[in-house]
Amino acid sequence: MTDKNNEELRPTKMRGVAFPKAKYGVVLAIIIIIVVNLIYYKETIFSFFR
């Protein structure tokens, strides 16, 4: 009975969708934040190396 309840936690249309692991989402979010900050603050970051 509990196995059947665990399977039905997701809606029927989403049961066939394979979700990625949460750690991949965290890594992707960190990479996106770093890239966006590099684009916005490129001049400030490179001024430290001069």
N, C-alpha and C. Protein backbone atom coordinates (compact mmCIF):
# COMPACT_ATOMS: atom_id res chain seq x y z
N MET A 1 0.82 -1.20 0.00
CA MET A 1 0.00 0.00 0.00
C MET A 1 0.87 1.26 0.00
N THR A 2 1.92 1.28 0.81
CA THR A 2 2.77 2.48 0.85
C THR A 2 3.55 2.65 -0.45
N ASP A 3 3.94 1.56 -1.11
CA ASP A 3 4.63 1.69 -2.39
C ASP A 3 3.75 2.36 -3.43
N LYS A 4 2.49 2.01 -3.44
CA LYS A 4 1.56 2.61 -4.40
C LYS A 4 1.36 4.10 -4.09
N ASN A 5 1.31 4.47 -2.82
CA ASN A 5 1.16 5.88 -2.45
C ASN A 5 2.40 6.68 -2.84
N ASN A 6 3.59 6.10 -2.72
CA ASN A 6 4.81 6.81 -3.08
C ASN A 6 4.88 7.06 -4.58
N GLU A 7 4.38 6.16 -5.38
CA GLU A 7 4.41 6.33 -6.83
C GLU A 7 3.47 7.43 -7.28
N GLU A 8 2.40 7.67 -6.57
CA GLU A 8 1.38 8.62 -7.02
C GLU A 8 1.58 10.02 -6.46
N LEU A 9 2.78 10.34 -6.02
CA LEU A 9 3.02 11.68 -5.49
C LEU A 9 3.05 12.72 -6.59
N ARG A 10 3.56 12.35 -7.76
CA ARG A 10 3.61 13.30 -8.87
C ARG A 10 2.32 13.24 -9.68
N PRO A 11 1.94 14.35 -10.30
CA PRO A 11 0.76 14.33 -11.18
C PRO A 11 0.95 13.37 -12.35
N THR A 12 -0.14 12.89 -12.90
CA THR A 12 -0.08 11.86 -13.94
C THR A 12 0.69 12.31 -15.17
N LYS A 13 0.59 13.58 -15.56
CA LYS A 13 1.29 14.04 -16.76
C LYS A 13 2.79 14.17 -16.54
N MET A 14 3.22 14.24 -15.28
CA MET A 14 4.64 14.43 -14.98
C MET A 14 5.34 13.12 -14.61
N ARG A 15 4.65 12.02 -14.61
CA ARG A 15 5.25 10.75 -14.17
C ARG A 15 6.31 10.25 -15.13
N GLY A 16 6.16 10.53 -16.41
CA GLY A 16 7.13 10.05 -17.39
C GLY A 16 8.33 10.96 -17.56
N VAL A 17 8.31 12.14 -16.92
CA VAL A 17 9.39 13.10 -17.08
C VAL A 17 10.51 12.75 -16.10
N ALA A 18 11.73 12.64 -16.61
CA ALA A 18 12.88 12.36 -15.76
C ALA A 18 13.47 13.68 -15.29
N PHE A 19 13.42 13.91 -14.00
CA PHE A 19 13.95 15.15 -13.44
C PHE A 19 15.44 14.98 -13.13
N PRO A 20 16.26 15.99 -13.40
CA PRO A 20 17.69 15.89 -13.05
C PRO A 20 17.87 15.97 -11.54
N LYS A 21 19.00 15.51 -11.08
CA LYS A 21 19.29 15.57 -9.65
C LYS A 21 19.42 17.03 -9.22
N ALA A 22 19.12 17.29 -7.97
CA ALA A 22 19.14 18.66 -7.46
C ALA A 22 20.55 19.24 -7.45
N LYS A 23 21.57 18.38 -7.25
CA LYS A 23 22.93 18.92 -7.19
C LYS A 23 23.35 19.51 -8.53
N TYR A 24 22.85 18.96 -9.63
CA TYR A 24 23.18 19.52 -10.94
C TYR A 24 22.57 20.90 -11.10
N GLY A 25 21.39 21.10 -10.57
CA GLY A 25 20.74 22.41 -10.62
C GLY A 25 21.50 23.44 -9.81
N VAL A 26 22.02 23.03 -8.65
CA VAL A 26 22.80 23.94 -7.81
C VAL A 26 24.09 24.33 -8.52
N VAL A 27 24.76 23.36 -9.11
CA VAL A 27 26.02 23.64 -9.83
C VAL A 27 25.74 24.56 -11.02
N LEU A 28 24.67 24.28 -11.75
CA LEU A 28 24.32 25.12 -12.90
C LEU A 28 23.99 26.55 -12.46
N ALA A 29 23.28 26.71 -11.35
CA ALA A 29 22.94 28.04 -10.85
C ALA A 29 24.20 28.81 -10.45
N ILE A 30 25.15 28.14 -9.80
CA ILE A 30 26.39 28.80 -9.40
C ILE A 30 27.19 29.23 -10.62
N ILE A 31 27.25 28.36 -11.64
CA ILE A 31 27.98 28.71 -12.86
C ILE A 31 27.33 29.90 -13.56
N ILE A 32 26.01 29.92 -13.62
CA ILE A 32 25.31 31.05 -14.26
C ILE A 32 25.57 32.34 -13.51
N ILE A 33 25.55 32.30 -12.17
CA ILE A 33 25.80 33.50 -11.37
C ILE A 33 27.21 34.01 -11.61
N ILE A 34 28.18 33.10 -11.66
CA ILE A 34 29.57 33.52 -11.88
C ILE A 34 29.73 34.14 -13.27
N VAL A 35 29.14 33.53 -14.28
CA VAL A 35 29.27 34.05 -15.65
C VAL A 35 28.62 35.42 -15.77
N VAL A 36 27.44 35.59 -15.19
CA VAL A 36 26.75 36.88 -15.27
C VAL A 36 27.55 37.96 -14.55
N ASN A 37 28.11 37.61 -13.38
CA ASN A 37 28.93 38.58 -12.66
C ASN A 37 30.19 38.93 -13.44
N LEU A 38 30.79 37.96 -14.12
CA LEU A 38 31.96 38.27 -14.94
C LEU A 38 31.61 39.21 -16.08
N ILE A 39 30.44 39.04 -16.66
CA ILE A 39 30.03 39.91 -17.76
C ILE A 39 29.77 41.33 -17.26
N TYR A 40 29.05 41.45 -16.14
CA TYR A 40 28.70 42.78 -15.63
C TYR A 40 29.90 43.52 -15.04
N TYR A 41 30.75 42.80 -14.30
CA TYR A 41 31.84 43.46 -13.57
C TYR A 41 33.20 43.14 -14.19
N LYS A 42 33.23 42.97 -15.50
CA LYS A 42 34.46 42.60 -16.20
C LYS A 42 35.55 43.66 -16.00
N GLU A 43 35.20 44.92 -16.16
CA GLU A 43 36.20 45.98 -16.04
C GLU A 43 36.73 46.09 -14.62
N THR A 44 35.87 45.95 -13.64
CA THR A 44 36.29 46.04 -12.24
C THR A 44 37.20 44.89 -11.87
N ILE A 45 36.88 43.69 -12.34
CA ILE A 45 37.69 42.52 -12.03
C ILE A 45 39.06 42.63 -12.68
N PHE A 46 39.10 43.05 -13.93
CA PHE A 46 40.39 43.15 -14.63
C PHE A 46 41.23 44.32 -14.10
N SER A 47 40.61 45.32 -13.48
CA SER A 47 41.39 46.43 -12.93
C SER A 47 42.20 45.98 -11.72
N PHE A 48 41.80 44.92 -11.04
CA PHE A 48 42.57 44.41 -9.90
C PHE A 48 43.88 43.77 -10.37
N PHE A 49 43.92 43.26 -11.58
CA PHE A 49 45.10 42.56 -12.08
C PHE A 49 46.10 43.49 -12.74
N ARG A 50 45.76 44.76 -12.88
CA ARG A 50 46.67 45.71 -13.53
C ARG A 50 47.60 46.34 -12.50
